[in-house]
Amino acid sequence: MEGQFSLKFVIELFSLLLPYAIKFALPPALLTGILLGLGRLSADSEITAMRASGFGLGKIAAPIFGLSLILAGICFYINSWAAPKARTGYKEKLAQTAMENPLFFFQPGTFVTDFPGYILYVGDFDGKNLHDFWVWSTAGQDEEPDEQGRIRQTMRFDSGIITPDLDTNTLILEPRNLQIEINDEDDPENFRGDYRPGTAGSTVLRFSLDKRGQDLKINRKPSMLSLEELIKRRDRLANLNNLTEQDKKQLRETKMQLHTNASMACSVIAFAAIGIPLAIRTGRRETMANGALALGLALGYYVLSILLGLLKDHPSFRPDLLAWLPNLLFLGCGLLLLRKVR
């Protein structure tokens, strides 16, 4: 994006990504806070003093679990509404800007292969003015790309202007001082054949955005749908009489996303359940040690979630219900540690 978009636009894009990032950052943040707070209290024997004064582990943990319930509700809102809406807005804004700003497709000193039948290279650009621009065409007279990818035409110009034509979905390139080399039609790699170098005073080149536009088209995955949209999609697919394989796949993905959103929200409670007894048992006051422990647990949780997500194409394993397995595992470990602490 360097030199193409304003700082304000870049900040807007990053702000639209924040809700998507928060849903992954909030549970580990709570776990880190628990390990830091209770770990230092335990290391300084404050937990022992509390228990000697009649405060059981239940009273010590109650405020933390209360906070985790509130944060779980916030996470569920983010997962089910805020993050999908922001993610969709990010994609739409990026796609719209890409179609309106033709320089989005170029970066100085790189080769561009987004346009079928062409390889483009731009040395530098200033606004809409391109400098040191090269175009290698593999298309012949029939406008079809060469099956072997052989270069049939080479065009180079020192400067030119590029503008978008949204009505025809094309980029219009107007080069100045164009130099052109046309290779032999039957044997493009034979420069002793019908090879014709030359120049052109003025011409217009058009590059279709159909393929690139399809790549930029907003394809809303289940993770970009709100709770209401997921429920409507699930009910619609479930009520179909004859489900195709594609419908079955979409139904599985929709159910899995519903369970994933809920389980990710409840991960805050699972992290609290394992963090409280672990902090008391280890009793470490070092910030780095507690931070590393929290990071390790969070990575383990998310890696396990990703691995279980790979089973989405195996309905016999019920991948939608397996989304709850990391939470159950952390809750089970937390209960075992709590028994030992008591």
Protein backbone atom coordinates (compact mmCIF):
# COMPACT_ATOMS: atom_id res chain seq x y z
CA MET A 1 0.00 0.00 0.00
CA GLU A 2 3.04 2.27 0.25
CA GLY A 3 2.45 5.50 -1.61
CA GLN A 4 -1.04 4.47 -2.76
CA PHE A 5 -3.32 5.01 0.24
CA SER A 6 -3.46 7.61 2.97
CA LEU A 7 -2.58 6.88 6.57
CA LYS A 8 -6.24 7.42 7.48
CA PHE A 9 -7.31 4.67 5.07
CA VAL A 10 -4.74 2.22 6.47
CA ILE A 11 -5.86 2.99 10.04
CA GLU A 12 -9.48 2.34 9.00
CA LEU A 13 -8.51 -1.06 7.61
CA PHE A 14 -6.66 -2.02 10.78
CA SER A 15 -9.57 -0.82 12.93
CA LEU A 16 -11.87 -3.18 11.02
CA LEU A 17 -9.52 -6.06 11.86
CA LEU A 18 -9.44 -5.30 15.60
CA PRO A 19 -12.67 -7.14 16.57
CA TYR A 20 -11.45 -10.21 14.68
CA ALA A 21 -8.18 -10.10 16.63
CA ILE A 22 -9.75 -9.36 20.01
CA LYS A 23 -11.71 -12.61 20.04
CA PHE A 24 -8.39 -14.48 20.01
CA ALA A 25 -6.55 -12.11 22.36
CA LEU A 26 -9.10 -11.69 25.16
CA PRO A 27 -9.03 -15.24 26.65
CA PRO A 28 -5.20 -15.40 26.89
CA ALA A 29 -5.21 -11.87 28.33
CA LEU A 30 -7.44 -12.99 31.22
CA LEU A 31 -5.29 -16.08 31.75
CA THR A 32 -2.16 -13.92 31.92
CA GLY A 33 -3.80 -11.62 34.45
CA ILE A 34 -4.82 -14.57 36.64
CA LEU A 35 -1.34 -16.09 36.58
CA LEU A 36 0.29 -12.74 37.35
CA GLY A 37 -2.13 -11.75 40.12
CA LEU A 38 -2.71 -15.03 41.96
CA GLY A 39 0.83 -16.22 41.26
CA ARG A 40 2.32 -13.27 43.11
CA LEU A 41 -0.21 -13.57 45.96
CA SER A 42 0.68 -17.23 46.30
CA ALA A 43 4.44 -16.56 46.17
CA ASP A 44 4.08 -13.95 48.93
CA SER A 45 2.01 -16.39 51.07
CA GLU A 46 -1.02 -14.11 50.82
CA ILE A 47 -3.20 -17.01 49.66
CA THR A 48 -2.14 -18.96 52.75
CA ALA A 49 -3.04 -15.98 54.94
CA MET A 50 -6.44 -15.69 53.26
CA ARG A 51 -7.23 -19.36 53.81
CA ALA A 52 -6.06 -19.14 57.44
CA SER A 53 -8.48 -16.22 57.91
CA GLY A 54 -11.41 -18.29 56.69
CA PHE A 55 -11.40 -17.46 52.98
CA GLY A 56 -11.77 -20.69 51.06
CA LEU A 57 -10.73 -21.18 47.47
CA GLY A 58 -14.35 -20.70 46.45
CA LYS A 59 -14.45 -17.15 47.80
CA ILE A 60 -11.06 -16.37 46.27
CA ALA A 61 -12.08 -17.69 42.84
CA ALA A 62 -15.66 -16.35 42.80
CA PRO A 63 -14.81 -12.79 41.62
CA ILE A 64 -12.55 -14.18 38.90
CA PHE A 65 -15.22 -16.54 37.61
CA GLY A 66 -17.72 -13.67 37.73
CA LEU A 67 -15.39 -11.59 35.58
CA SER A 68 -14.85 -14.52 33.22
CA LEU A 69 -18.63 -14.86 32.74
CA ILE A 70 -18.88 -11.19 31.80
CA LEU A 71 -15.97 -11.51 29.40
CA ALA A 72 -17.51 -14.68 27.92
CA GLY A 73 -20.63 -12.67 27.09
CA ILE A 74 -18.47 -9.97 25.49
CA CYS A 75 -16.59 -12.61 23.50
CA PHE A 76 -19.84 -14.17 22.31
CA TYR A 77 -21.03 -10.78 21.08
CA ILE A 78 -17.73 -10.22 19.27
CA ASN A 79 -17.72 -13.72 17.72
CA SER A 80 -21.36 -13.63 16.65
CA TRP A 81 -21.84 -10.02 15.55
CA ALA A 82 -18.93 -7.57 15.82
CA ALA A 83 -16.16 -9.67 14.22
CA PRO A 84 -18.23 -10.95 11.22
CA LYS A 85 -19.51 -7.44 10.49
CA ALA A 86 -16.04 -5.89 10.74
CA ARG A 87 -14.46 -8.66 8.67
CA THR A 88 -17.06 -8.22 5.93
CA GLY A 89 -16.58 -4.45 5.99
CA TYR A 90 -12.82 -4.92 5.67
CA LYS A 91 -13.17 -7.15 2.61
CA GLU A 92 -15.71 -4.84 0.97
CA LYS A 93 -13.61 -1.73 1.56
CA LEU A 94 -10.46 -3.39 0.26
CA ALA A 95 -12.21 -4.77 -2.83
CA GLN A 96 -13.88 -1.45 -3.65
CA THR A 97 -10.61 0.43 -3.29
CA ALA A 98 -8.79 -2.12 -5.43
CA MET A 99 -11.27 -1.68 -8.26
CA GLU A 100 -11.21 2.12 -8.05
CA ASN A 101 -7.45 2.47 -7.68
CA PRO A 102 -5.67 0.76 -10.60
CA LEU A 103 -2.27 1.07 -8.93
CA PHE A 104 -3.50 -1.36 -6.29
CA PHE A 105 -2.43 -4.17 -8.63
CA PHE A 106 1.13 -2.91 -9.01
CA GLN A 107 4.15 -2.56 -6.82
CA PRO A 108 7.42 -1.06 -8.07
CA GLY A 109 10.04 -3.63 -8.98
CA THR A 110 7.69 -6.65 -9.04
CA PHE A 111 6.14 -8.78 -11.77
CA VAL A 112 2.34 -8.86 -12.01
CA THR A 113 0.67 -12.03 -13.32
CA ASP A 114 -2.94 -11.24 -12.35
CA PHE A 115 -4.03 -10.69 -15.96
CA PRO A 116 -4.32 -13.81 -18.17
CA GLY A 117 -2.03 -13.70 -21.19
CA TYR A 118 0.14 -10.89 -19.81
CA ILE A 119 3.12 -10.40 -17.54
CA LEU A 120 3.50 -6.82 -16.34
CA TYR A 121 6.36 -5.00 -14.67
CA VAL A 122 6.51 -1.41 -13.44
CA GLY A 123 9.72 0.24 -12.33
CA ASP A 124 8.05 3.13 -10.53
CA PHE A 125 4.90 5.23 -10.52
CA ASP A 126 3.87 8.70 -9.49
CA GLY A 127 0.12 9.07 -9.01
CA LYS A 128 -1.41 7.66 -12.21
CA ASN A 129 1.85 8.04 -14.15
CA LEU A 130 3.83 4.85 -14.68
CA HIS A 131 7.54 4.78 -15.44
CA ASP A 132 9.70 2.06 -16.97
CA PHE A 133 6.73 -0.20 -17.72
CA TRP A 134 7.09 -3.56 -19.47
CA VAL A 135 4.37 -5.76 -20.94
CA TRP A 136 5.06 -9.32 -22.09
CA SER A 137 2.16 -10.88 -23.97
CA THR A 138 1.71 -14.60 -24.50
CA ALA A 139 -1.48 -14.07 -26.58
CA GLY A 140 -1.43 -14.59 -30.34
CA GLN A 141 -3.69 -13.22 -33.05
CA ASP A 142 -6.62 -15.21 -31.67
CA GLU A 143 -6.13 -13.40 -28.32
CA GLU A 144 -5.66 -16.76 -26.59
CA PRO A 145 -2.61 -17.25 -24.32
CA ASP A 146 0.12 -19.49 -25.68
CA GLU A 147 -0.24 -23.01 -24.29
CA GLN A 148 3.50 -23.18 -23.59
CA GLY A 149 3.59 -19.69 -22.11
CA ARG A 150 5.93 -18.37 -24.82
CA ILE A 151 6.31 -14.63 -25.20
CA ARG A 152 4.80 -13.38 -28.48
CA GLN A 153 5.02 -9.64 -27.94
CA THR A 154 7.18 -7.41 -25.80
CA MET A 155 6.20 -3.80 -25.14
CA ARG A 156 8.12 -1.20 -23.20
CA PHE A 157 7.58 2.50 -22.59
CA ASP A 158 9.23 5.13 -20.44
CA SER A 159 6.01 6.64 -19.09
CA GLY A 160 2.26 6.27 -19.34
CA ILE A 161 -1.09 6.77 -17.64
CA ILE A 162 -3.37 4.05 -16.29
CA THR A 163 -7.03 4.58 -15.45
CA PRO A 164 -9.90 2.22 -14.49
CA ASP A 165 -13.02 1.79 -16.63
CA LEU A 166 -15.59 0.34 -14.24
CA ASP A 167 -18.26 0.15 -16.98
CA THR A 168 -16.22 -2.40 -18.95
CA ASN A 169 -14.33 -3.71 -15.91
CA THR A 170 -10.95 -3.02 -17.51
CA LEU A 171 -7.76 -1.09 -16.85
CA ILE A 172 -6.87 1.36 -19.64
CA LEU A 173 -3.16 1.92 -20.18
CA GLU A 174 -2.05 4.82 -22.37
CA PRO A 175 1.72 4.52 -22.95
CA ARG A 176 3.97 7.18 -24.43
CA ASN A 177 6.97 6.41 -26.64
CA LEU A 178 6.05 2.77 -26.92
CA GLN A 179 8.65 0.29 -28.14
CA ILE A 180 7.28 -3.01 -29.38
CA GLU A 181 8.78 -6.33 -30.46
CA ILE A 182 6.60 -8.92 -32.23
CA ASN A 183 8.01 -12.43 -32.31
CA ASP A 184 7.50 -15.01 -35.04
CA GLU A 185 3.90 -16.23 -34.93
CA ASP A 186 4.71 -19.90 -35.56
CA ASP A 187 7.94 -20.01 -33.56
CA PRO A 188 7.97 -17.18 -30.99
CA GLU A 189 11.38 -18.22 -29.67
CA ASN A 190 13.03 -17.95 -33.09
CA PHE A 191 14.35 -14.39 -33.41
CA ARG A 192 15.66 -15.09 -36.91
CA GLY A 193 12.18 -15.71 -38.22
CA ASP A 194 9.40 -13.18 -38.65
CA TYR A 195 10.68 -10.97 -35.81
CA ARG A 196 9.57 -7.33 -36.06
CA PRO A 197 10.92 -4.73 -33.63
CA GLY A 198 9.57 -1.20 -33.91
CA THR A 199 7.94 1.75 -32.21
CA ALA A 200 4.41 3.11 -31.93
CA GLY A 201 3.49 6.74 -31.57
CA SER A 202 0.35 6.23 -29.49
CA THR A 203 -1.83 3.29 -28.58
CA VAL A 204 -4.18 2.10 -25.87
CA LEU A 205 -3.83 -1.18 -23.99
CA ARG A 206 -6.71 -2.74 -22.10
CA PHE A 207 -6.41 -5.33 -19.36
CA SER A 208 -9.52 -7.18 -18.24
CA LEU A 209 -10.31 -7.24 -14.52
CA ASP A 210 -12.80 -10.09 -14.84
CA LYS A 211 -10.52 -12.72 -13.31
CA ARG A 212 -8.97 -10.35 -10.78
CA GLY A 213 -12.42 -9.02 -9.95
CA GLN A 214 -13.60 -12.53 -9.17
CA ASP A 215 -10.66 -12.89 -6.80
CA LEU A 216 -11.67 -9.66 -5.07
CA LYS A 217 -15.36 -10.54 -4.97
CA ILE A 218 -16.72 -10.80 -1.47
CA ASN A 219 -17.26 -14.47 -0.74
CA ARG A 220 -18.72 -14.52 2.75
CA LYS A 221 -17.49 -17.60 4.53
CA PRO A 222 -19.34 -18.90 7.61
CA SER A 223 -16.87 -17.03 9.83
CA MET A 224 -18.10 -13.77 8.25
CA LEU A 225 -21.79 -14.44 8.99
CA SER A 226 -23.62 -13.16 12.06
CA LEU A 227 -25.52 -15.40 14.44
CA GLU A 228 -28.87 -14.70 12.77
CA GLU A 229 -27.45 -15.38 9.31
CA LEU A 230 -25.89 -18.65 10.46
CA ILE A 231 -29.15 -19.83 12.03
CA LYS A 232 -31.16 -18.91 8.90
CA ARG A 233 -28.63 -20.68 6.70
CA ARG A 234 -28.68 -23.78 8.91
CA ASP A 235 -32.49 -23.95 8.98
CA ARG A 236 -32.74 -23.39 5.22
CA LEU A 237 -30.28 -26.18 4.44
CA ALA A 238 -31.76 -28.53 7.03
CA ASN A 239 -35.25 -28.17 5.50
CA LEU A 240 -34.15 -29.09 1.98
CA ASN A 241 -35.58 -32.39 0.79
CA ASN A 242 -32.75 -33.55 -1.44
CA LEU A 243 -29.43 -32.34 -0.15
CA THR A 244 -26.54 -32.32 -2.61
CA GLU A 245 -22.98 -32.94 -1.46
CA GLN A 246 -22.36 -29.20 -1.62
CA ASP A 247 -25.43 -28.53 0.53
CA LYS A 248 -24.29 -31.11 3.07
CA LYS A 249 -20.86 -29.52 3.22
CA GLN A 250 -22.35 -26.05 3.74
CA LEU A 251 -24.64 -27.41 6.46
CA ARG A 252 -21.68 -28.98 8.28
CA GLU A 253 -19.66 -25.79 8.03
CA THR A 254 -22.57 -23.72 9.31
CA LYS A 255 -23.17 -25.97 12.32
CA MET A 256 -19.47 -26.05 13.05
CA GLN A 257 -19.23 -22.26 12.95
CA LEU A 258 -22.15 -21.92 15.37
CA HIS A 259 -20.48 -24.25 17.86
CA THR A 260 -17.07 -22.65 17.30
CA ASN A 261 -18.39 -19.17 18.08
CA ALA A 262 -19.95 -20.40 21.32
CA SER A 263 -16.98 -22.54 22.38
CA MET A 264 -14.52 -19.71 21.68
CA ALA A 265 -16.59 -17.45 23.94
CA CYS A 266 -16.60 -20.07 26.70
CA SER A 267 -12.83 -20.46 26.39
CA VAL A 268 -12.55 -17.50 28.77
CA ILE A 269 -14.19 -19.60 31.49
CA ALA A 270 -12.00 -22.61 30.64
CA PHE A 271 -8.85 -20.48 30.86
CA ALA A 272 -9.99 -19.14 34.24
CA ALA A 273 -10.69 -22.67 35.49
CA ILE A 274 -7.17 -23.87 34.73
CA GLY A 275 -5.46 -20.57 35.54
CA ILE A 276 -6.67 -20.18 39.14
CA PRO A 277 -5.34 -23.47 40.61
CA LEU A 278 -2.26 -23.37 38.38
CA ALA A 279 -1.30 -19.89 39.64
CA ILE A 280 -1.79 -20.90 43.27
CA ARG A 281 0.08 -24.19 42.84
CA THR A 282 3.11 -22.79 40.99
CA GLY A 283 3.29 -19.62 43.08
CA ARG A 284 5.63 -17.67 40.80
CA ARG A 285 6.01 -13.91 41.04
CA GLU A 286 8.15 -13.52 37.89
CA THR A 287 6.24 -11.67 35.19
CA MET A 288 8.12 -13.32 32.31
CA ALA A 289 7.57 -16.83 33.67
CA ASN A 290 3.82 -16.31 34.11
CA GLY A 291 3.56 -14.66 30.69
CA ALA A 292 5.39 -17.58 29.05
CA LEU A 293 3.13 -20.08 30.84
CA ALA A 294 0.01 -18.23 29.69
CA LEU A 295 1.32 -18.06 26.14
CA GLY A 296 2.10 -21.78 26.13
CA LEU A 297 -1.39 -22.71 27.36
CA ALA A 298 -3.06 -20.38 24.86
CA LEU A 299 -1.00 -21.77 21.97
CA GLY A 300 -1.87 -25.31 23.03
CA TYR A 301 -5.56 -24.43 23.09
CA TYR A 302 -5.57 -22.80 19.65
CA VAL A 303 -3.38 -25.46 18.03
CA LEU A 304 -5.75 -28.15 19.29
CA SER A 305 -8.71 -26.16 17.96
CA ILE A 306 -7.06 -25.86 14.55
CA LEU A 307 -6.29 -29.58 14.42
CA LEU A 308 -9.89 -30.44 15.30
CA GLY A 309 -11.04 -28.03 12.60
CA LEU A 310 -9.26 -30.20 10.03
CA LEU A 311 -11.96 -32.84 10.65
CA LYS A 312 -14.67 -30.66 9.11
CA ASP A 313 -14.85 -32.93 6.05
CA HIS A 314 -15.36 -36.03 8.20
CA PRO A 315 -18.95 -35.81 9.49
CA SER A 316 -18.70 -39.17 11.27
CA PHE A 317 -16.42 -37.54 13.87
CA ARG A 318 -18.99 -34.79 14.58
CA PRO A 319 -16.52 -31.90 14.16
CA ASP A 320 -19.18 -29.43 15.34
CA LEU A 321 -19.28 -31.04 18.78
CA LEU A 322 -15.51 -31.57 18.84
CA ALA A 323 -15.17 -27.79 18.89
CA TRP A 324 -15.96 -28.04 22.61
CA LEU A 325 -13.17 -30.54 23.33
CA PRO A 326 -10.43 -27.96 24.18
CA ASN A 327 -12.76 -26.30 26.70
CA LEU A 328 -13.64 -29.62 28.32
CA LEU A 329 -9.97 -30.56 28.45
CA PHE A 330 -9.00 -27.31 30.16
CA LEU A 331 -11.94 -27.54 32.57
CA GLY A 332 -11.00 -31.13 33.47
CA CYS A 333 -7.38 -30.20 34.09
CA GLY A 334 -8.51 -27.22 36.16
CA LEU A 335 -10.70 -29.42 38.38
CA LEU A 336 -7.86 -31.89 38.93
CA LEU A 337 -5.47 -29.11 39.88
CA LEU A 338 -8.09 -27.55 42.15
CA ARG A 339 -8.46 -30.83 44.05
CA LYS A 340 -4.70 -30.99 44.57
CA VAL A 341 -4.58 -27.38 45.75
CA ARG A 342 -7.31 -28.08 48.30
